[in-house]
Amino acid sequence: MAKAAKEGGADGIRCNYVSDINSIKAEVDLPTIGIIKAEYPDSEVYITPTLKEVKALLEETDTEVVALDATRRARPNGEKLEDLVRYIRAHKPQVEIMADIADLDDAKYADSLGFDYIGCTLRSYTAATKGIAIPDFAFIAQLVATVKAKVIAEGGIWEAEQLKKVWAAKPYAVVIGSAVTRPRDITARFRRVTDACFAEGAKEKAD
């Protein structure tokens, strides 16, 4: 998938887990945004949630960017976001850091910690933002107008027209995930259209 993305014109790859990051690095000469998803019983935070995952990314990969859940939710083991940022800056200062946020307060806090990038990755995926339609074009524009960090638009981008509207908000970059990497979801989206067409055709016959 990474090779195909590069051939299609991608400028970078966001990837999960040490093994995948290293495999991609071995085959594709594009910068990566590295994450490790890990679930802990005492927290809803799962994108690079603790120092354990941060250390793995710094010590076991050459990823150019590390992305962290930067919502204000409690982290596992009582760990603090600012401590993770401080650790990365101290131990591998050449690595840039991306904040995955859900709302404007998250973004402002991440900006105060000096993140290089702020992405709306978790918009609609937290309890406070659940149900918000994504991509949230107005929110992306609000981020661009508010924070000093470079804004990365991410979430819910499936179609070219959506992407045009996202770029109109002037983010630094755009991450497209499921529309590239999830054949099951892509197929299901087309299947829903097909089923709706058949249902409409059956209704017309019945009428």
N, C-alpha and C. Protein backbone atom coordinates (compact mmCIF):
# COMPACT_ATOMS: atom_id res chain seq x y z
N MET A 1 0.82 -1.20 0.00
CA MET A 1 0.00 0.00 0.00
C MET A 1 0.86 1.27 0.00
N ALA A 2 1.96 1.23 0.75
CA ALA A 2 2.85 2.39 0.78
C ALA A 2 3.48 2.64 -0.59
N LYS A 3 3.90 1.57 -1.26
CA LYS A 3 4.46 1.72 -2.60
C LYS A 3 3.43 2.31 -3.55
N ALA A 4 2.20 1.81 -3.48
CA ALA A 4 1.15 2.31 -4.35
C ALA A 4 0.84 3.77 -4.05
N ALA A 5 0.85 4.13 -2.77
CA ALA A 5 0.59 5.51 -2.38
C ALA A 5 1.67 6.44 -2.95
N LYS A 6 2.93 6.00 -2.87
CA LYS A 6 4.01 6.80 -3.43
C LYS A 6 3.84 6.96 -4.94
N GLU A 7 3.55 5.85 -5.62
CA GLU A 7 3.36 5.91 -7.06
C GLU A 7 2.20 6.83 -7.44
N GLY A 8 1.22 6.92 -6.54
CA GLY A 8 0.07 7.79 -6.79
C GLY A 8 0.33 9.25 -6.47
N GLY A 9 1.48 9.55 -5.85
CA GLY A 9 1.84 10.93 -5.58
C GLY A 9 1.87 11.34 -4.13
N ALA A 10 1.75 10.41 -3.19
CA ALA A 10 1.80 10.76 -1.77
C ALA A 10 3.16 11.34 -1.41
N ASP A 11 3.14 12.32 -0.51
CA ASP A 11 4.38 12.95 -0.05
C ASP A 11 4.90 12.34 1.24
N GLY A 12 4.09 11.52 1.90
CA GLY A 12 4.50 10.89 3.14
C GLY A 12 3.51 9.80 3.51
N ILE A 13 3.86 9.01 4.51
CA ILE A 13 3.02 7.89 4.93
C ILE A 13 2.84 7.95 6.45
N ARG A 14 1.59 7.92 6.90
CA ARG A 14 1.31 7.77 8.34
C ARG A 14 1.12 6.28 8.60
N CYS A 15 1.90 5.73 9.53
CA CYS A 15 1.87 4.29 9.71
C CYS A 15 1.96 3.89 11.19
N ASN A 16 1.47 2.69 11.46
CA ASN A 16 1.25 2.21 12.82
C ASN A 16 2.11 0.99 13.10
N TYR A 17 2.75 0.97 14.25
CA TYR A 17 3.56 -0.13 14.78
C TYR A 17 4.99 -0.11 14.22
N VAL A 18 5.92 -0.49 15.05
CA VAL A 18 7.33 -0.47 14.70
C VAL A 18 7.62 -1.32 13.46
N SER A 19 7.05 -2.53 13.41
CA SER A 19 7.34 -3.43 12.29
C SER A 19 6.88 -2.84 10.96
N ASP A 20 5.70 -2.24 10.95
CA ASP A 20 5.19 -1.64 9.71
C ASP A 20 6.02 -0.42 9.31
N ILE A 21 6.35 0.41 10.28
CA ILE A 21 7.15 1.60 9.97
C ILE A 21 8.48 1.19 9.34
N ASN A 22 9.15 0.21 9.94
CA ASN A 22 10.45 -0.22 9.43
C ASN A 22 10.33 -0.89 8.06
N SER A 23 9.29 -1.67 7.86
CA SER A 23 9.08 -2.31 6.56
C SER A 23 8.85 -1.27 5.48
N ILE A 24 8.06 -0.26 5.81
CA ILE A 24 7.78 0.81 4.85
C ILE A 24 9.04 1.61 4.57
N LYS A 25 9.79 1.92 5.62
CA LYS A 25 11.04 2.66 5.44
C LYS A 25 12.03 1.92 4.54
N ALA A 26 12.00 0.60 4.62
CA ALA A 26 12.93 -0.20 3.81
C ALA A 26 12.57 -0.19 2.33
N GLU A 27 11.33 0.12 2.02
CA GLU A 27 10.85 0.01 0.64
C GLU A 27 10.49 1.34 -0.01
N VAL A 28 10.16 2.34 0.81
CA VAL A 28 9.64 3.60 0.27
C VAL A 28 10.42 4.77 0.86
N ASP A 29 10.99 5.61 -0.01
CA ASP A 29 11.80 6.73 0.48
C ASP A 29 10.94 7.99 0.67
N LEU A 30 9.97 7.85 1.56
CA LEU A 30 9.11 8.97 1.92
C LEU A 30 9.17 9.17 3.44
N PRO A 31 9.00 10.39 3.91
CA PRO A 31 8.94 10.59 5.36
C PRO A 31 7.71 9.92 5.95
N THR A 32 7.81 9.52 7.21
CA THR A 32 6.69 8.85 7.87
C THR A 32 6.25 9.61 9.12
N ILE A 33 4.96 9.51 9.38
CA ILE A 33 4.41 9.89 10.68
C ILE A 33 4.16 8.59 11.41
N GLY A 34 4.92 8.33 12.46
CA GLY A 34 4.83 7.06 13.16
C GLY A 34 3.95 7.13 14.38
N ILE A 35 3.13 6.11 14.56
CA ILE A 35 2.31 5.98 15.76
C ILE A 35 2.36 4.53 16.24
N ILE A 36 1.98 4.32 17.49
CA ILE A 36 1.72 2.98 18.00
C ILE A 36 0.38 3.03 18.73
N LYS A 37 -0.57 2.27 18.24
CA LYS A 37 -1.86 2.18 18.92
C LYS A 37 -1.78 1.12 20.01
N ALA A 38 -2.14 1.51 21.22
CA ALA A 38 -2.09 0.58 22.36
C ALA A 38 -3.23 0.91 23.30
N GLU A 39 -3.96 -0.11 23.72
CA GLU A 39 -5.10 0.09 24.61
C GLU A 39 -4.72 -0.23 26.04
N TYR A 40 -5.14 0.62 26.95
CA TYR A 40 -4.92 0.45 28.38
C TYR A 40 -6.26 0.52 29.10
N PRO A 41 -6.43 -0.25 30.16
CA PRO A 41 -7.73 -0.32 30.83
C PRO A 41 -8.15 0.96 31.54
N ASP A 42 -7.19 1.82 31.86
CA ASP A 42 -7.53 3.00 32.66
C ASP A 42 -7.61 4.29 31.84
N SER A 43 -7.69 4.16 30.50
CA SER A 43 -7.70 5.37 29.68
C SER A 43 -8.32 5.10 28.32
N GLU A 44 -8.95 6.14 27.74
CA GLU A 44 -9.47 6.06 26.38
C GLU A 44 -8.41 6.43 25.35
N VAL A 45 -7.28 6.96 25.80
CA VAL A 45 -6.21 7.37 24.91
C VAL A 45 -5.49 6.14 24.37
N TYR A 46 -5.36 6.03 23.04
CA TYR A 46 -4.73 4.84 22.47
C TYR A 46 -3.72 5.13 21.36
N ILE A 47 -3.58 6.35 20.93
CA ILE A 47 -2.59 6.68 19.90
C ILE A 47 -1.31 7.15 20.58
N THR A 48 -0.27 6.30 20.55
CA THR A 48 1.00 6.56 21.23
C THR A 48 0.71 7.11 22.64
N PRO A 49 0.09 6.31 23.48
CA PRO A 49 -0.44 6.85 24.73
C PRO A 49 0.57 7.05 25.86
N THR A 50 1.66 6.26 25.89
CA THR A 50 2.57 6.33 27.03
C THR A 50 4.04 6.42 26.58
N LEU A 51 4.89 6.61 27.57
CA LEU A 51 6.33 6.69 27.30
C LEU A 51 6.85 5.39 26.68
N LYS A 52 6.24 4.28 27.01
CA LYS A 52 6.66 3.00 26.43
C LYS A 52 6.59 3.04 24.91
N GLU A 53 5.47 3.53 24.36
CA GLU A 53 5.31 3.60 22.91
C GLU A 53 6.22 4.67 22.31
N VAL A 54 6.37 5.77 23.01
CA VAL A 54 7.26 6.83 22.53
C VAL A 54 8.69 6.30 22.41
N LYS A 55 9.16 5.62 23.43
CA LYS A 55 10.52 5.07 23.40
C LYS A 55 10.69 4.08 22.24
N ALA A 56 9.69 3.25 22.01
CA ALA A 56 9.78 2.28 20.91
C ALA A 56 9.94 2.99 19.57
N LEU A 57 9.17 4.05 19.36
CA LEU A 57 9.26 4.79 18.10
C LEU A 57 10.62 5.47 17.96
N LEU A 58 11.12 6.05 19.04
CA LEU A 58 12.39 6.76 18.97
C LEU A 58 13.58 5.82 18.85
N GLU A 59 13.52 4.70 19.56
CA GLU A 59 14.67 3.80 19.63
C GLU A 59 14.68 2.72 18.55
N GLU A 60 13.52 2.37 18.03
CA GLU A 60 13.44 1.24 17.11
C GLU A 60 13.04 1.61 15.69
N THR A 61 12.79 2.89 15.43
CA THR A 61 12.47 3.32 14.07
C THR A 61 13.22 4.61 13.75
N ASP A 62 13.20 4.97 12.47
CA ASP A 62 13.75 6.25 12.03
C ASP A 62 12.65 7.16 11.53
N THR A 63 11.47 7.03 12.10
CA THR A 63 10.37 7.89 11.67
C THR A 63 10.71 9.36 11.88
N GLU A 64 10.33 10.19 10.93
CA GLU A 64 10.64 11.62 11.01
C GLU A 64 9.69 12.36 11.95
N VAL A 65 8.48 11.83 12.10
CA VAL A 65 7.47 12.48 12.94
C VAL A 65 6.85 11.43 13.86
N VAL A 66 6.65 11.78 15.12
CA VAL A 66 5.90 10.94 16.06
C VAL A 66 4.58 11.64 16.35
N ALA A 67 3.48 10.93 16.20
CA ALA A 67 2.16 11.49 16.50
C ALA A 67 1.66 10.96 17.83
N LEU A 68 1.08 11.86 18.63
CA LEU A 68 0.55 11.51 19.94
C LEU A 68 -0.91 11.96 20.04
N ASP A 69 -1.72 11.20 20.72
CA ASP A 69 -3.02 11.69 21.14
C ASP A 69 -2.75 12.90 22.04
N ALA A 70 -3.26 14.05 21.63
CA ALA A 70 -3.04 15.27 22.41
C ALA A 70 -4.35 15.83 22.95
N THR A 71 -5.35 14.97 23.09
CA THR A 71 -6.57 15.40 23.75
C THR A 71 -6.29 15.58 25.24
N ARG A 72 -7.19 16.27 25.92
CA ARG A 72 -6.97 16.54 27.34
C ARG A 72 -7.50 15.41 28.23
N ARG A 73 -7.79 14.27 27.63
CA ARG A 73 -8.25 13.12 28.41
C ARG A 73 -7.10 12.54 29.23
N ALA A 74 -7.46 11.89 30.33
CA ALA A 74 -6.45 11.27 31.19
C ALA A 74 -5.72 10.18 30.44
N ARG A 75 -4.39 10.17 30.56
CA ARG A 75 -3.58 9.17 29.90
C ARG A 75 -3.39 7.95 30.80
N PRO A 76 -2.99 6.83 30.22
CA PRO A 76 -2.74 5.63 31.04
C PRO A 76 -1.66 5.90 32.10
N ASN A 77 -1.80 5.24 33.21
CA ASN A 77 -0.81 5.29 34.30
C ASN A 77 -0.61 6.70 34.85
N GLY A 78 -1.55 7.60 34.56
CA GLY A 78 -1.41 8.97 35.05
C GLY A 78 -0.32 9.77 34.34
N GLU A 79 0.17 9.29 33.20
CA GLU A 79 1.23 10.00 32.48
C GLU A 79 0.69 11.32 31.90
N LYS A 80 1.61 12.24 31.64
CA LYS A 80 1.25 13.57 31.17
C LYS A 80 1.78 13.82 29.76
N LEU A 81 0.96 14.47 28.95
CA LEU A 81 1.35 14.77 27.58
C LEU A 81 2.63 15.60 27.54
N GLU A 82 2.72 16.60 28.41
CA GLU A 82 3.89 17.48 28.39
C GLU A 82 5.18 16.72 28.68
N ASP A 83 5.10 15.66 29.47
CA ASP A 83 6.29 14.86 29.77
C ASP A 83 6.74 14.08 28.54
N LEU A 84 5.79 13.61 27.75
CA LEU A 84 6.14 12.87 26.54
C LEU A 84 6.80 13.81 25.52
N VAL A 85 6.25 15.00 25.38
CA VAL A 85 6.84 15.99 24.48
C VAL A 85 8.26 16.32 24.94
N ARG A 86 8.42 16.55 26.24
CA ARG A 86 9.74 16.89 26.78
C ARG A 86 10.75 15.76 26.54
N TYR A 87 10.29 14.53 26.67
CA TYR A 87 11.19 13.38 26.45
C TYR A 87 11.66 13.32 25.00
N ILE A 88 10.73 13.51 24.08
CA ILE A 88 11.11 13.46 22.65
C ILE A 88 12.11 14.57 22.33
N ARG A 89 11.83 15.77 22.81
CA ARG A 89 12.73 16.90 22.53
C ARG A 89 14.12 16.66 23.11
N ALA A 90 14.18 16.03 24.27
CA ALA A 90 15.46 15.81 24.94
C ALA A 90 16.26 14.68 24.32
N HIS A 91 15.57 13.62 23.88
CA HIS A 91 16.28 12.42 23.45
C HIS A 91 16.43 12.28 21.93
N LYS A 92 15.58 12.93 21.18
CA LYS A 92 15.72 12.87 19.72
C LYS A 92 15.13 14.16 19.13
N PRO A 93 15.83 15.27 19.34
CA PRO A 93 15.29 16.58 18.97
C PRO A 93 15.03 16.76 17.48
N GLN A 94 15.66 15.93 16.64
CA GLN A 94 15.43 16.06 15.21
C GLN A 94 14.07 15.50 14.79
N VAL A 95 13.45 14.73 15.65
CA VAL A 95 12.13 14.16 15.35
C VAL A 95 11.05 15.20 15.64
N GLU A 96 10.18 15.41 14.68
CA GLU A 96 9.08 16.35 14.87
C GLU A 96 7.91 15.64 15.55
N ILE A 97 7.00 16.43 16.11
CA ILE A 97 5.91 15.85 16.89
C ILE A 97 4.57 16.38 16.38
N MET A 98 3.64 15.47 16.18
CA MET A 98 2.29 15.81 15.72
C MET A 98 1.28 15.56 16.83
N ALA A 99 0.38 16.51 17.04
CA ALA A 99 -0.69 16.38 18.02
C ALA A 99 -1.97 15.95 17.32
N ASP A 100 -2.52 14.82 17.75
CA ASP A 100 -3.83 14.39 17.27
C ASP A 100 -4.88 14.94 18.24
N ILE A 101 -5.69 15.89 17.76
CA ILE A 101 -6.61 16.58 18.65
C ILE A 101 -8.05 16.39 18.18
N ALA A 102 -9.00 16.80 19.06
CA ALA A 102 -10.42 16.66 18.73
C ALA A 102 -11.17 17.98 18.73
N ASP A 103 -10.69 18.95 19.52
CA ASP A 103 -11.40 20.23 19.59
C ASP A 103 -10.41 21.38 19.75
N LEU A 104 -10.94 22.58 19.80
CA LEU A 104 -10.07 23.76 19.81
C LEU A 104 -9.26 23.86 21.09
N ASP A 105 -9.83 23.49 22.22
CA ASP A 105 -9.07 23.54 23.47
C ASP A 105 -7.89 22.57 23.44
N ASP A 106 -8.10 21.38 22.86
CA ASP A 106 -6.98 20.45 22.66
C ASP A 106 -5.88 21.12 21.84
N ALA A 107 -6.31 21.76 20.75
CA ALA A 107 -5.35 22.37 19.83
C ALA A 107 -4.55 23.49 20.50
N LYS A 108 -5.23 24.30 21.27
CA LYS A 108 -4.54 25.41 21.96
C LYS A 108 -3.53 24.87 22.97
N TYR A 109 -3.92 23.81 23.68
CA TYR A 109 -3.00 23.22 24.65
C TYR A 109 -1.79 22.62 23.95
N ALA A 110 -2.03 21.88 22.87
CA ALA A 110 -0.92 21.30 22.11
C ALA A 110 0.00 22.39 21.58
N ASP A 111 -0.58 23.48 21.12
CA ASP A 111 0.21 24.59 20.60
C ASP A 111 1.09 25.18 21.70
N SER A 112 0.55 25.25 22.92
CA SER A 112 1.32 25.81 24.04
C SER A 112 2.50 24.91 24.41
N LEU A 113 2.41 23.62 24.07
CA LEU A 113 3.49 22.67 24.35
C LEU A 113 4.53 22.63 23.25
N GLY A 114 4.28 23.34 22.15
CA GLY A 114 5.27 23.44 21.10
C GLY A 114 5.25 22.33 20.07
N PHE A 115 4.11 21.70 19.85
CA PHE A 115 4.02 20.69 18.81
C PHE A 115 4.34 21.31 17.45
N ASP A 116 4.97 20.52 16.58
CA ASP A 116 5.29 20.99 15.23
C ASP A 116 4.05 20.98 14.33
N TYR A 117 3.21 19.98 14.54
CA TYR A 117 2.00 19.82 13.72
C TYR A 117 0.80 19.57 14.62
N ILE A 118 -0.34 20.06 14.20
CA ILE A 118 -1.59 19.77 14.89
C ILE A 118 -2.58 19.24 13.85
N GLY A 119 -3.08 18.03 14.11
CA GLY A 119 -4.03 17.41 13.18
C GLY A 119 -5.36 17.14 13.85
N CYS A 120 -6.43 17.27 13.09
CA CYS A 120 -7.78 17.05 13.65
C CYS A 120 -8.18 15.58 13.57
N THR A 121 -7.22 14.72 13.77
CA THR A 121 -7.36 13.27 13.66
C THR A 121 -8.51 12.71 14.49
N LEU A 122 -8.69 13.24 15.70
CA LEU A 122 -9.66 12.66 16.63
C LEU A 122 -10.98 13.41 16.68
N ARG A 123 -11.17 14.34 15.77
CA ARG A 123 -12.46 15.01 15.64
C ARG A 123 -13.53 13.97 15.35
N SER A 124 -14.59 13.95 16.14
CA SER A 124 -15.71 13.01 16.01
C SER A 124 -15.44 11.65 16.66
N TYR A 125 -14.22 11.46 17.23
CA TYR A 125 -13.87 10.17 17.82
C TYR A 125 -13.75 10.21 19.34
N THR A 126 -14.04 11.34 19.96
CA THR A 126 -14.05 11.43 21.41
C THR A 126 -15.48 11.64 21.88
N ALA A 127 -15.71 11.40 23.16
CA ALA A 127 -17.06 11.56 23.70
C ALA A 127 -17.58 12.97 23.48
N ALA A 128 -16.71 13.95 23.61
CA ALA A 128 -17.13 15.36 23.49
C ALA A 128 -17.43 15.77 22.06
N THR A 129 -16.86 15.05 21.08
CA THR A 129 -17.05 15.45 19.67
C THR A 129 -17.80 14.39 18.86
N LYS A 130 -18.26 13.34 19.52
CA LYS A 130 -18.96 12.27 18.82
C LYS A 130 -20.18 12.81 18.08
N GLY A 131 -20.34 12.38 16.82
CA GLY A 131 -21.48 12.80 16.03
C GLY A 131 -21.22 14.00 15.14
N ILE A 132 -20.10 14.69 15.35
CA ILE A 132 -19.75 15.81 14.48
C ILE A 132 -19.35 15.28 13.11
N ALA A 133 -19.94 15.82 12.07
CA ALA A 133 -19.66 15.35 10.72
C ALA A 133 -18.23 15.73 10.32
N ILE A 134 -17.52 14.77 9.75
CA ILE A 134 -16.18 15.02 9.25
C ILE A 134 -16.10 14.66 7.77
N PRO A 135 -15.24 15.33 7.02
CA PRO A 135 -14.33 16.39 7.46
C PRO A 135 -15.09 17.64 7.90
N ASP A 136 -14.62 18.25 8.98
CA ASP A 136 -15.22 19.45 9.53
C ASP A 136 -14.46 20.65 8.96
N PHE A 137 -14.94 21.13 7.81
CA PHE A 137 -14.22 22.16 7.07
C PHE A 137 -14.05 23.44 7.89
N ALA A 138 -15.10 23.84 8.58
CA ALA A 138 -15.04 25.07 9.38
C ALA A 138 -14.03 24.93 10.50
N PHE A 139 -13.97 23.75 11.10
CA PHE A 139 -13.02 23.53 12.20
C PHE A 139 -11.59 23.57 11.69
N ILE A 140 -11.34 23.00 10.54
CA ILE A 140 -10.00 23.04 9.96
C ILE A 140 -9.56 24.49 9.74
N ALA A 141 -10.47 25.29 9.18
CA ALA A 141 -10.16 26.71 8.96
C ALA A 141 -9.92 27.42 10.28
N GLN A 142 -10.68 27.06 11.30
CA GLN A 142 -10.51 27.67 12.62
C GLN A 142 -9.14 27.32 13.20
N LEU A 143 -8.72 26.08 13.03
CA LEU A 143 -7.39 25.68 13.49
C LEU A 143 -6.30 26.49 12.81
N VAL A 144 -6.40 26.61 11.50
CA VAL A 144 -5.40 27.36 10.73
C VAL A 144 -5.30 28.80 11.23
N ALA A 145 -6.45 29.38 11.57
CA ALA A 145 -6.48 30.77 12.01
C ALA A 145 -6.05 30.95 13.46
N THR A 146 -5.97 29.86 14.22
CA THR A 146 -5.77 29.97 15.67
C THR A 146 -4.38 29.57 16.14
N VAL A 147 -3.84 28.46 15.61
CA VAL A 147 -2.60 27.91 16.18
C VAL A 147 -1.36 28.32 15.37
N LYS A 148 -0.22 28.27 16.04
CA LYS A 148 1.05 28.57 15.39
C LYS A 148 1.60 27.36 14.65
N ALA A 149 1.30 26.16 15.16
CA ALA A 149 1.79 24.93 14.54
C ALA A 149 1.19 24.75 13.14
N LYS A 150 1.85 23.92 12.36
CA LYS A 150 1.32 23.60 11.03
C LYS A 150 0.14 22.66 11.18
N VAL A 151 -0.95 22.99 10.51
CA VAL A 151 -2.18 22.20 10.65
C VAL A 151 -2.23 21.10 9.60
N ILE A 152 -2.52 19.89 10.06
CA ILE A 152 -2.71 18.75 9.16
C ILE A 152 -4.17 18.32 9.23
N ALA A 153 -4.85 18.40 8.11
CA ALA A 153 -6.26 17.99 8.05
C ALA A 153 -6.34 16.48 7.90
N GLU A 154 -7.17 15.87 8.72
CA GLU A 154 -7.29 14.41 8.68
C GLU A 154 -8.67 14.01 9.18
N GLY A 155 -9.25 13.00 8.54
CA GLY A 155 -10.51 12.45 9.01
C GLY A 155 -11.66 12.63 8.05
N GLY A 156 -12.21 11.53 7.57
CA GLY A 156 -13.44 11.55 6.79
C GLY A 156 -13.32 12.01 5.35
N ILE A 157 -12.09 12.11 4.84
CA ILE A 157 -11.92 12.60 3.46
C ILE A 157 -11.97 11.41 2.51
N TRP A 158 -13.07 11.35 1.75
CA TRP A 158 -13.30 10.22 0.85
C TRP A 158 -13.30 10.62 -0.62
N GLU A 159 -13.65 11.85 -0.92
CA GLU A 159 -13.89 12.23 -2.31
C GLU A 159 -13.12 13.48 -2.69
N ALA A 160 -12.91 13.65 -4.01
CA ALA A 160 -12.14 14.77 -4.52
C ALA A 160 -12.75 16.11 -4.14
N GLU A 161 -14.07 16.21 -4.18
CA GLU A 161 -14.72 17.48 -3.85
C GLU A 161 -14.51 17.84 -2.38
N GLN A 162 -14.51 16.83 -1.51
CA GLN A 162 -14.21 17.08 -0.10
C GLN A 162 -12.78 17.60 0.05
N LEU A 163 -11.87 16.99 -0.68
CA LEU A 163 -10.47 17.39 -0.60
C LEU A 163 -10.29 18.84 -1.07
N LYS A 164 -11.00 19.23 -2.10
CA LYS A 164 -10.94 20.62 -2.57
C LYS A 164 -11.37 21.58 -1.47
N LYS A 165 -12.44 21.23 -0.77
CA LYS A 165 -12.94 22.09 0.31
C LYS A 165 -11.96 22.12 1.48
N VAL A 166 -11.31 20.99 1.73
CA VAL A 166 -10.31 20.95 2.79
C VAL A 166 -9.14 21.88 2.45
N TRP A 167 -8.65 21.79 1.21
CA TRP A 167 -7.52 22.64 0.81
C TRP A 167 -7.88 24.11 0.85
N ALA A 168 -9.16 24.42 0.63
CA ALA A 168 -9.60 25.82 0.68
C ALA A 168 -9.42 26.42 2.06
N ALA A 169 -9.37 25.55 3.10
CA ALA A 169 -9.15 26.02 4.47
C ALA A 169 -7.66 26.30 4.75
N LYS A 170 -6.81 25.96 3.79
CA LYS A 170 -5.38 26.25 3.83
C LYS A 170 -4.58 25.53 4.93
N PRO A 171 -4.79 24.22 5.12
CA PRO A 171 -3.93 23.47 6.03
C PRO A 171 -2.54 23.30 5.40
N TYR A 172 -1.58 22.89 6.22
CA TYR A 172 -0.24 22.64 5.73
C TYR A 172 -0.20 21.36 4.90
N ALA A 173 -0.94 20.35 5.35
CA ALA A 173 -0.95 19.05 4.68
C ALA A 173 -2.27 18.34 4.97
N VAL A 174 -2.50 17.25 4.25
CA VAL A 174 -3.72 16.46 4.42
C VAL A 174 -3.34 14.99 4.53
N VAL A 175 -3.92 14.30 5.49
CA VAL A 175 -3.77 12.85 5.60
C VAL A 175 -5.07 12.20 5.14
N ILE A 176 -4.96 11.26 4.21
CA ILE A 176 -6.12 10.49 3.76
C ILE A 176 -5.87 9.04 4.16
N GLY A 177 -6.76 8.50 4.98
CA GLY A 177 -6.54 7.17 5.54
C GLY A 177 -7.41 6.10 4.92
N SER A 178 -8.62 5.94 5.44
CA SER A 178 -9.49 4.82 5.05
C SER A 178 -9.76 4.77 3.55
N ALA A 179 -9.87 5.93 2.91
CA ALA A 179 -10.17 5.96 1.48
C ALA A 179 -9.04 5.37 0.65
N VAL A 180 -7.86 5.21 1.26
CA VAL A 180 -6.72 4.62 0.57
C VAL A 180 -6.45 3.20 1.07
N THR A 181 -6.60 2.97 2.37
CA THR A 181 -6.04 1.76 2.98
C THR A 181 -7.05 0.71 3.41
N ARG A 182 -8.35 0.96 3.27
CA ARG A 182 -9.32 0.00 3.78
C ARG A 182 -10.26 -0.51 2.68
N PRO A 183 -9.84 -1.53 1.95
CA PRO A 183 -10.67 -2.06 0.86
C PRO A 183 -12.07 -2.46 1.32
N ARG A 184 -12.20 -3.00 2.52
CA ARG A 184 -13.52 -3.40 3.00
C ARG A 184 -14.45 -2.20 3.10
N ASP A 185 -13.96 -1.10 3.68
CA ASP A 185 -14.78 0.10 3.82
C ASP A 185 -15.07 0.74 2.48
N ILE A 186 -14.08 0.72 1.60
CA ILE A 186 -14.27 1.29 0.25
C ILE A 186 -15.34 0.50 -0.49
N THR A 187 -15.24 -0.83 -0.44
CA THR A 187 -16.23 -1.68 -1.10
C THR A 187 -17.61 -1.48 -0.50
N ALA A 188 -17.68 -1.43 0.83
CA ALA A 188 -18.97 -1.26 1.49
C ALA A 188 -19.63 0.05 1.12
N ARG A 189 -18.83 1.10 0.94
CA ARG A 189 -19.39 2.39 0.56
C ARG A 189 -20.06 2.32 -0.81
N PHE A 190 -19.40 1.65 -1.75
CA PHE A 190 -20.01 1.48 -3.07
C PHE A 190 -21.22 0.55 -3.00
N ARG A 191 -21.13 -0.47 -2.14
CA ARG A 191 -22.24 -1.42 -2.00
C ARG A 191 -23.50 -0.71 -1.49
N ARG A 192 -23.33 0.22 -0.57
CA ARG A 192 -24.48 0.96 -0.06
C ARG A 192 -25.18 1.74 -1.16
N VAL A 193 -24.37 2.32 -2.05
CA VAL A 193 -24.95 3.04 -3.18
C VAL A 193 -25.71 2.07 -4.09
N THR A 194 -25.09 0.92 -4.36
CA THR A 194 -25.73 -0.09 -5.21
C THR A 194 -27.06 -0.55 -4.61
N ASP A 195 -27.05 -0.86 -3.33
CA ASP A 195 -28.28 -1.32 -2.66
C ASP A 195 -29.36 -0.25 -2.70
N ALA A 196 -28.96 1.00 -2.52
CA ALA A 196 -29.93 2.09 -2.56
C ALA A 196 -30.53 2.23 -3.95
N CYS A 197 -29.72 2.03 -4.99
CA CYS A 197 -30.24 2.11 -6.37
C CYS A 197 -31.22 0.98 -6.65
N PHE A 198 -30.88 -0.23 -6.20
CA PHE A 198 -31.79 -1.37 -6.39
C PHE A 198 -33.09 -1.15 -5.62
N ALA A 199 -32.98 -0.63 -4.41
CA ALA A 199 -34.18 -0.38 -3.61
C ALA A 199 -35.07 0.66 -4.27
N GLU A 200 -34.46 1.69 -4.82
CA GLU A 200 -35.24 2.72 -5.51
C GLU A 200 -35.90 2.16 -6.76
N GLY A 201 -35.14 1.28 -7.47
CA GLY A 201 -35.72 0.66 -8.66
C GLY A 201 -36.90 -0.23 -8.32
N ALA A 202 -36.78 -0.99 -7.24
CA ALA A 202 -37.89 -1.86 -6.79
C ALA A 202 -39.09 -1.03 -6.39
N LYS A 203 -38.87 0.10 -5.76
CA LYS A 203 -39.97 0.97 -5.35
C LYS A 203 -40.72 1.53 -6.56
N GLU A 204 -39.94 1.92 -7.57
CA GLU A 204 -40.55 2.45 -8.79
C GLU A 204 -41.41 1.41 -9.48
N LYS A 205 -40.93 0.14 -9.49
CA LYS A 205 -41.72 -0.92 -10.09
C LYS A 205 -43.01 -1.15 -9.32
N ALA A 206 -42.89 -1.11 -8.00
CA ALA A 206 -44.07 -1.33 -7.14
C ALA A 206 -45.10 -0.22 -7.35
N ASP A 207 -44.61 1.00 -7.54
CA ASP A 207 -45.53 2.12 -7.75
C ASP A 207 -46.21 2.01 -9.10
